[in-house]
Each structure stands twice: as structure tokens, then as C-alpha cells.
């Protein structure tokens, strides 16, 4: 971020802190008064910015362990991202979304509340992923479009079944209120005491079948899935709508965009839910990174070629 952007971010933090201390009722009023979208975009696809990582203690991006630690900087990046054409909404926890609604950044946006952030990254209780964030009744009260749940499935950890039951209960609660349930499943296993998601096609397919069977109503359940090899075979495992997640960025941006473009082709895939990859790009150009991803979602004929751009060579 530039010095000017940093200064504006600091000003926003001071403004928000003042409002929260002296006029907390402004939060509920802002939710009540915001303009809400009228159904999905015309093409039925969604480009969503994810901003719920910090609440699980996951602050790192690439080689920066504390990249998301500064809230003012994160909000500044989110404001840039949400202002780009083709960006349909945001996924976040209450602290982040309340800041954004106070800043007027959620007008006409699809907003999804993050529900279970209890399985803190790297903790011994990571799989006991309790609902410590939004609940269906609050999502409905604040006029959001749905809630998102993370579901790690480890057959060797008995905590898994409690999270399965919780997700099933929340899916029903969301369906009862006409809200979308965005479920993010991973088959997982511990190695050296650390939990790791299994990203081979067979494991992702298995996680899809378990997740899709949760709850007593499936008509408002969408899946949030990783981009893996053999994506057409993986997506053939379900008829539920799918949004693709970005994960922790590691490779070259050009190859990441090409992988997203390929994974967006199956008919089940309705868009992207991307956070760190776009909010903290290697070259710092948040607007450019977000616009490129949004074009993949809403203009799928404009897929990246194998030719590197000048930006990819930096």
C-alpha cells in the first residue's frame, strides 16, 4: 500500500472505533438501511471476496506470517476489491462485515456470514469447529444472503462427528429462513500433529458426498471447494452449485489464474470465493488482481492464455 492509502486506512480505523464506542446502534441501523441485491446476477454466477481468515487465527499470506494483522490495511484492500466491476459480494465475520457496512461498502452486495470459526488454525481442537460466529437468526435479521461453514472430516478424530452434526443443524436453520448454506468440506488428516487437508481428487470427491448429505433440506446448499486436478471428474460428484476457493496462495499468479479458468468450466461451478490471493497479490495491485478474477467468472470466454504478461515476469 502507498503512504496515502496507509494514512486513509488509519483514518478509517479511528472513525470506526469512535462510532463503535459512542454510537453502537449505528451498526444495526446500517444493516437495516442497506440496499440488498435482488437475486443472483443475470448470468447466475458469483464473484465473492473472502475475509474471514483472521478470526480463525490464520493471518499469513505467502511468506508474510502477519499479512492480515493490520485491520486498517485489510479494510482498505477490501474497499478496493468491493468497488471493482463484477465483484458481487463478500464473506466475513461480524467484526469485518460490521466495519464494511458502516463504511457503506455493502450496498447491493451479496453478503455471507462466516459461522464456525471455533476450530482455530493449528490448535489441538481444530476439528471441533464450533459455531462461534454468525447463527441463522442473526443472518436473517441483518438481511444477509446466507452463511458459510467450514467442515474438516478426519475419520481418525472423534471431534469430526460433532462438527458434522452442527453443520447439519445449521443447514436446516438456514433453509428454514430461506438463506443459502455455503459448505466448505475437506477430507483431512494429521501428520506430525498438524492437520492437513487432503487435496487429491479422490479425497475431495469423498468430502463432497459427505457434505452434500447433511441436513434435511438441500435446495439451498452450495459447496465451496478447492481447485484440484481432474476438476471435471470431481465436479461430477454433485448436482449442488459450487463456488471455488482460492486457498493459501503459493504459486505464480499467472498459473493460478489459468487453474481457476479451467476449474470454472464444469456446469456445477458458479463462481469464485477468493480472499488472500486477491487482497494481497505479490505486486500489490489489488484492483488488477480482483478485476482479472471477476472477468474469469462473468466473462468466461476471456480465459488466460499460456503467454506470460509483463506483470507475470516481474
Protein backbone atom coordinates (compact mmCIF):
# COMPACT_ATOMS: atom_id res chain seq x y z
CA UNK A 1 0.00 0.00 0.00
CA UNK A 2 1.10 3.58 -0.66
CA UNK A 3 1.70 6.10 2.13
CA UNK A 4 -1.53 7.86 1.17
CA UNK A 5 -3.53 4.63 1.35
CA UNK A 6 -2.00 3.83 4.74
CA UNK A 7 -2.96 7.26 6.05
CA UNK A 8 -6.56 6.87 4.82
CA UNK A 9 -6.73 3.41 6.37
CA UNK A 10 -5.62 4.79 9.73
CA UNK A 11 -8.30 7.47 9.45
CA UNK A 12 -10.97 4.86 8.80
CA UNK A 13 -9.89 2.85 11.84
CA UNK A 14 -10.17 5.96 14.04
CA UNK A 15 -13.62 6.77 12.58
CA UNK A 16 -14.90 3.23 13.09
CA UNK A 17 -13.56 2.99 16.63
CA UNK A 18 -15.25 6.28 17.50
CA UNK A 19 -18.58 5.08 16.10
CA UNK A 20 -18.36 1.74 17.87
CA UNK A 21 -17.61 3.41 21.21
CA UNK A 22 -20.10 6.28 21.10
CA UNK A 23 -22.90 5.14 18.80
CA UNK A 24 -23.00 1.32 18.58
CA UNK A 25 -26.62 1.45 17.41
CA UNK A 26 -25.33 2.71 14.06
CA UNK A 27 -24.29 -0.84 13.17
CA UNK A 28 -27.82 -2.28 13.32
CA UNK A 29 -29.18 0.81 11.54
CA UNK A 30 -26.66 0.43 8.72
CA UNK A 31 -27.67 -3.20 8.22
CA UNK A 32 -31.34 -2.27 8.24
CA UNK A 33 -30.91 0.53 5.70
CA UNK A 34 -28.51 -1.05 3.21
CA UNK A 35 -29.71 -1.88 -0.31
CA UNK A 36 -29.90 -5.62 -0.83
CA UNK A 37 -29.43 -7.42 -4.15
CA UNK A 38 -32.47 -8.78 -5.90
CA UNK A 39 -31.48 -12.39 -6.60
CA UNK A 40 -28.36 -13.65 -8.34
CA UNK A 41 -26.65 -11.69 -11.14
CA UNK A 42 -28.20 -12.19 -14.58
CA UNK A 43 -25.65 -14.87 -15.51
CA UNK A 44 -26.29 -16.79 -12.26
CA UNK A 45 -22.63 -16.55 -11.25
CA UNK A 46 -20.91 -15.01 -8.23
CA UNK A 47 -17.56 -13.38 -7.55
CA UNK A 48 -17.20 -13.22 -3.75
CA UNK A 49 -14.31 -11.79 -1.73
CA UNK A 50 -13.44 -13.87 1.35
CA UNK A 51 -12.43 -12.03 4.52
CA UNK A 52 -12.95 -14.48 7.37
CA UNK A 53 -9.43 -15.92 7.75
CA UNK A 54 -8.25 -13.76 10.69
CA UNK A 55 -11.00 -14.99 13.04
CA UNK A 56 -9.51 -18.49 12.87
CA UNK A 57 -6.03 -17.16 13.65
CA UNK A 58 -4.90 -17.53 10.03
CA UNK A 59 -3.13 -14.22 9.31
CA UNK A 60 -0.42 -15.34 6.90
CA UNK A 61 -0.16 -14.80 3.15
CA UNK A 62 2.74 -16.41 1.31
CA UNK A 63 5.89 -15.58 3.30
CA UNK A 64 4.26 -12.90 5.49
CA UNK A 65 3.02 -14.50 8.71
CA UNK A 66 1.25 -11.33 9.83
CA UNK A 67 0.00 -10.05 6.46
CA UNK A 68 -3.62 -9.73 7.61
CA UNK A 69 -2.85 -8.44 11.12
CA UNK A 70 -3.41 -4.74 10.38
CA UNK A 71 -7.19 -4.19 10.24
CA UNK A 72 -6.96 -0.78 8.62
CA UNK A 73 -4.84 -2.12 5.79
CA UNK A 74 -7.15 -5.10 5.33
CA UNK A 75 -10.21 -2.83 5.18
CA UNK A 76 -8.53 -0.58 2.65
CA UNK A 77 -7.83 -3.57 0.42
CA UNK A 78 -11.40 -4.82 0.84
CA UNK A 79 -12.80 -1.44 -0.18
CA UNK A 80 -10.75 -1.52 -3.36
CA UNK A 81 -11.85 -5.08 -4.11
CA UNK A 82 -15.56 -4.49 -3.46
CA UNK A 83 -15.55 -1.43 -5.70
CA UNK A 84 -14.39 -3.37 -8.77
CA UNK A 85 -16.94 -4.16 -11.51
CA UNK A 86 -18.00 -7.79 -11.45
CA UNK A 87 -17.46 -8.26 -7.70
CA UNK A 88 -20.78 -9.45 -6.31
CA UNK A 89 -20.17 -9.62 -2.59
CA UNK A 90 -18.15 -10.61 0.44
CA UNK A 91 -17.82 -13.38 3.04
CA UNK A 92 -16.72 -12.41 6.53
CA UNK A 93 -17.15 -12.45 10.28
CA UNK A 94 -19.22 -9.90 12.18
CA UNK A 95 -16.32 -7.62 13.09
CA UNK A 96 -15.27 -7.24 9.44
CA UNK A 97 -18.76 -7.05 7.96
CA UNK A 98 -19.91 -4.50 10.54
CA UNK A 99 -16.95 -2.29 9.60
CA UNK A 100 -17.79 -2.63 5.91
CA UNK A 101 -21.48 -1.85 6.35
CA UNK A 102 -20.59 1.25 8.38
CA UNK A 103 -18.30 2.31 5.52
CA UNK A 104 -21.15 1.89 3.02
CA UNK A 105 -19.30 -0.83 1.12
CA UNK A 106 -22.09 -3.44 1.14
CA UNK A 107 -24.75 -1.67 -0.91
CA UNK A 108 -26.31 -4.10 -3.43
CA UNK A 109 -23.78 -6.76 -2.43
CA UNK A 110 -24.34 -10.44 -1.65
CA UNK A 111 -23.16 -10.86 1.94
CA UNK A 112 -22.37 -14.19 3.57
CA UNK A 113 -21.63 -14.53 7.26
CA UNK A 114 -18.92 -16.92 8.48
CA UNK A 115 -20.45 -19.23 11.08
CA UNK A 116 -17.94 -21.64 12.61
CA UNK A 117 -14.56 -20.13 13.47
CA UNK A 118 -14.01 -22.19 16.65
CA UNK A 119 -11.51 -24.61 15.11
CA UNK A 120 -8.52 -22.30 15.44
CA UNK A 121 -5.70 -22.94 12.99
CA UNK A 122 -3.05 -25.23 14.47
CA UNK A 123 -4.95 -25.94 17.69
CA UNK A 124 -5.43 -29.42 19.20
CA UNK A 125 -9.20 -28.79 18.98
CA UNK A 126 -9.14 -27.67 15.33
CA UNK A 127 -11.67 -30.29 14.21
CA UNK A 128 -14.14 -29.38 16.95
CA UNK A 129 -15.23 -26.46 14.80
CA UNK A 130 -17.99 -24.85 16.82
CA UNK A 131 -20.37 -22.09 15.79
CA UNK A 132 -18.61 -19.08 17.30
CA UNK A 133 -19.66 -16.67 14.56
CA UNK A 134 -22.99 -15.99 12.89
CA UNK A 135 -26.13 -18.01 13.56
CA UNK A 136 -29.06 -18.31 11.14
CA UNK A 137 -31.31 -15.95 13.09
CA UNK A 138 -28.76 -13.10 13.01
CA UNK A 139 -28.04 -13.63 9.31
CA UNK A 140 -31.76 -13.33 8.57
CA UNK A 141 -32.20 -10.33 10.86
CA UNK A 142 -29.40 -8.44 9.12
CA UNK A 143 -30.64 -9.24 5.64
CA UNK A 144 -27.67 -11.31 4.53
CA UNK A 145 -27.88 -13.86 1.75
CA UNK A 146 -26.50 -16.85 3.64
CA UNK A 147 -23.92 -18.40 5.93
CA UNK A 148 -20.71 -20.31 5.36
CA UNK A 149 -19.40 -23.29 7.33
CA UNK A 150 -16.00 -24.98 7.26
CA UNK A 151 -16.13 -28.78 7.58
CA UNK A 152 -12.91 -30.75 8.06
CA UNK A 153 -13.50 -34.53 8.10
CA UNK A 154 -10.88 -36.76 9.76
CA UNK A 155 -12.06 -40.36 10.34
CA UNK A 156 -9.35 -40.70 12.98
CA UNK A 157 -10.56 -37.78 15.11
CA UNK A 158 -13.80 -38.19 17.12
CA UNK A 159 -14.33 -34.40 17.11
CA UNK A 160 -15.38 -34.69 13.47
CA UNK A 161 -18.84 -36.04 14.26
CA UNK A 162 -19.75 -33.05 16.44
CA UNK A 163 -18.89 -30.68 13.59
CA UNK A 164 -20.89 -32.82 11.14
CA UNK A 165 -23.91 -32.62 13.43
CA UNK A 166 -23.51 -28.88 13.95
CA UNK A 167 -23.27 -28.21 10.21
CA UNK A 168 -26.39 -30.32 9.57
CA UNK A 169 -28.33 -28.35 12.19
CA UNK A 170 -27.18 -25.02 10.75
CA UNK A 171 -28.08 -26.09 7.19
CA UNK A 172 -31.63 -26.74 8.36
CA UNK A 173 -31.75 -23.44 10.24
CA UNK A 174 -30.63 -21.54 7.15
CA UNK A 175 -33.06 -23.38 4.87
CA UNK A 176 -35.93 -22.60 7.24
CA UNK A 177 -35.18 -18.90 6.76
CA UNK A 178 -34.67 -19.07 3.00
CA UNK A 179 -30.93 -18.48 3.31
CA UNK A 180 -28.12 -20.13 1.36
CA UNK A 181 -25.81 -22.56 3.20
CA UNK A 182 -22.26 -22.40 1.83
CA UNK A 183 -20.47 -25.54 3.00
CA UNK A 184 -16.68 -25.90 2.64
CA UNK A 185 -15.69 -29.58 3.13
CA UNK A 186 -12.23 -31.10 3.29
CA UNK A 187 -11.10 -34.65 3.95
CA UNK A 188 -8.28 -34.14 6.43
CA UNK A 189 -5.58 -35.99 8.38
CA UNK A 190 -2.94 -35.15 10.96
CA UNK A 191 0.76 -35.52 10.20
CA UNK A 192 3.30 -34.67 12.86
CA UNK A 193 0.50 -33.20 14.95
CA UNK A 194 -0.54 -30.79 12.18
CA UNK A 195 -3.89 -31.03 10.41
CA UNK A 196 -3.64 -31.07 6.62
CA UNK A 197 -6.39 -31.04 4.02
CA UNK A 198 -6.20 -33.87 1.50
CA UNK A 199 -6.41 -32.27 -1.95
CA UNK A 200 -6.24 -35.31 -4.21
CA UNK A 201 -9.35 -35.80 -6.37
CA UNK A 202 -10.48 -38.94 -4.52
CA UNK A 203 -10.44 -37.20 -1.14
CA UNK A 204 -12.29 -34.15 -2.45
CA UNK A 205 -14.94 -36.37 -4.05
CA UNK A 206 -15.42 -38.23 -0.77
CA UNK A 207 -15.80 -34.95 1.12
CA UNK A 208 -18.39 -33.76 -1.41
CA UNK A 209 -20.61 -36.78 -0.85
CA UNK A 210 -20.47 -36.47 2.94
CA UNK A 211 -21.16 -32.73 2.89
CA UNK A 212 -23.98 -32.94 0.34
CA UNK A 213 -25.85 -35.43 2.51
CA UNK A 214 -26.00 -33.20 5.58
CA UNK A 215 -29.26 -31.69 6.79
CA UNK A 216 -32.87 -32.44 5.96
CA UNK A 217 -33.12 -29.94 3.09
CA UNK A 218 -30.59 -29.46 0.28
CA UNK A 219 -32.29 -26.95 -2.01
CA UNK A 220 -30.32 -24.01 -0.58
CA UNK A 221 -26.98 -25.78 -0.04
CA UNK A 222 -23.98 -24.71 -2.12
CA UNK A 223 -20.48 -26.17 -1.84
CA UNK A 224 -17.23 -24.21 -1.58
CA UNK A 225 -14.50 -26.44 -3.00
CA UNK A 226 -10.76 -26.27 -3.67
CA UNK A 227 -9.31 -26.18 -7.17
CA UNK A 228 -7.71 -29.59 -7.71
CA UNK A 229 -6.61 -31.78 -10.59
CA UNK A 230 -9.24 -33.62 -12.65
CA UNK A 231 -11.83 -30.95 -11.80
CA UNK A 232 -14.46 -32.32 -14.21
CA UNK A 233 -14.33 -35.73 -12.51
CA UNK A 234 -14.52 -34.05 -9.11
CA UNK A 235 -17.49 -31.85 -10.00
CA UNK A 236 -19.33 -34.85 -11.45
CA UNK A 237 -19.80 -35.99 -7.83
CA UNK A 238 -22.61 -33.50 -7.20
CA UNK A 239 -25.52 -31.54 -8.64
CA UNK A 240 -25.19 -28.87 -5.95
CA UNK A 241 -23.94 -25.46 -7.11
CA UNK A 242 -20.23 -24.98 -6.43
CA UNK A 243 -18.08 -21.94 -5.71
CA UNK A 244 -14.30 -22.38 -5.93
CA UNK A 245 -11.98 -21.24 -3.16
CA UNK A 246 -8.51 -19.83 -3.63
CA UNK A 247 -6.70 -21.26 -0.63
CA UNK A 248 -3.32 -20.06 0.61
CA UNK A 249 -1.52 -18.64 -2.46
CA UNK A 250 1.82 -20.24 -3.24
CA UNK A 251 2.47 -20.41 -6.98
CA UNK A 252 2.89 -17.82 -9.71
CA UNK A 253 -0.25 -15.69 -10.22
CA UNK A 254 -0.39 -16.46 -13.96
CA UNK A 255 -0.66 -20.19 -13.32
CA UNK A 256 -3.22 -19.61 -10.55
CA UNK A 257 -5.49 -17.73 -12.94
CA UNK A 258 -5.14 -20.47 -15.56
CA UNK A 259 -6.11 -23.11 -12.99
CA UNK A 260 -9.14 -21.09 -11.94
CA UNK A 261 -10.20 -20.67 -15.57
CA UNK A 262 -10.05 -24.43 -16.21
CA UNK A 263 -11.87 -25.25 -12.97
CA UNK A 264 -14.71 -22.80 -13.79
CA UNK A 265 -15.76 -24.78 -16.89
CA UNK A 266 -17.98 -27.55 -15.38
CA UNK A 267 -21.67 -26.55 -15.22
CA UNK A 268 -21.86 -27.09 -11.46
CA UNK A 269 -19.31 -24.31 -10.87
CA UNK A 270 -20.98 -20.93 -10.37
CA UNK A 271 -18.05 -18.71 -9.45
CA UNK A 272 -15.20 -17.93 -7.07
CA UNK A 273 -14.81 -17.15 -3.37
CA UNK A 274 -11.27 -15.78 -3.12
CA UNK A 275 -9.56 -13.87 -0.33
CA UNK A 276 -5.85 -13.72 0.32
CA UNK A 277 -4.76 -14.35 -3.28
CA UNK A 278 -6.56 -11.22 -4.46
CA UNK A 279 -6.34 -8.96 -1.41
CA UNK A 280 -2.57 -9.45 -1.05
CA UNK A 281 -1.18 -10.03 -4.57
CA UNK A 282 2.61 -10.16 -4.98
CA UNK A 283 2.70 -6.90 -6.98
CA UNK A 284 0.33 -5.07 -4.61
CA UNK A 285 -2.21 -4.32 -7.36
CA UNK A 286 -5.44 -5.34 -5.60
CA UNK A 287 -7.69 -3.73 -8.22
CA UNK A 288 -5.92 -5.51 -11.08
CA UNK A 289 -5.94 -8.90 -9.37
CA UNK A 290 -9.62 -8.67 -8.46
CA UNK A 291 -10.68 -7.45 -11.90
CA UNK A 292 -8.85 -10.32 -13.58
CA UNK A 293 -10.61 -12.87 -11.38
CA UNK A 294 -14.02 -11.23 -11.85
CA UNK A 295 -13.58 -11.42 -15.61
CA UNK A 296 -12.99 -15.17 -15.36
CA UNK A 297 -16.33 -15.53 -13.53
CA UNK A 298 -18.51 -13.22 -15.59
CA UNK A 299 -16.69 -13.30 -18.93
CA UNK A 300 -15.56 -16.94 -19.13
CA UNK A 301 -14.55 -16.63 -22.79
CA UNK A 302 -11.73 -14.32 -21.71
CA UNK A 303 -9.59 -17.11 -20.28
CA UNK A 304 -5.87 -16.51 -19.64
CA UNK A 305 -3.53 -17.78 -22.31
CA UNK A 306 -0.27 -19.59 -21.71
CA UNK A 307 1.61 -16.47 -22.73
CA UNK A 308 3.07 -14.61 -19.73
CA UNK A 309 2.15 -10.95 -19.34
CA UNK A 310 4.67 -8.32 -18.41
CA UNK A 311 3.25 -8.37 -14.88
CA UNK A 312 3.84 -12.12 -14.63
CA UNK A 313 7.52 -11.59 -15.42
CA UNK A 314 8.13 -9.17 -12.57
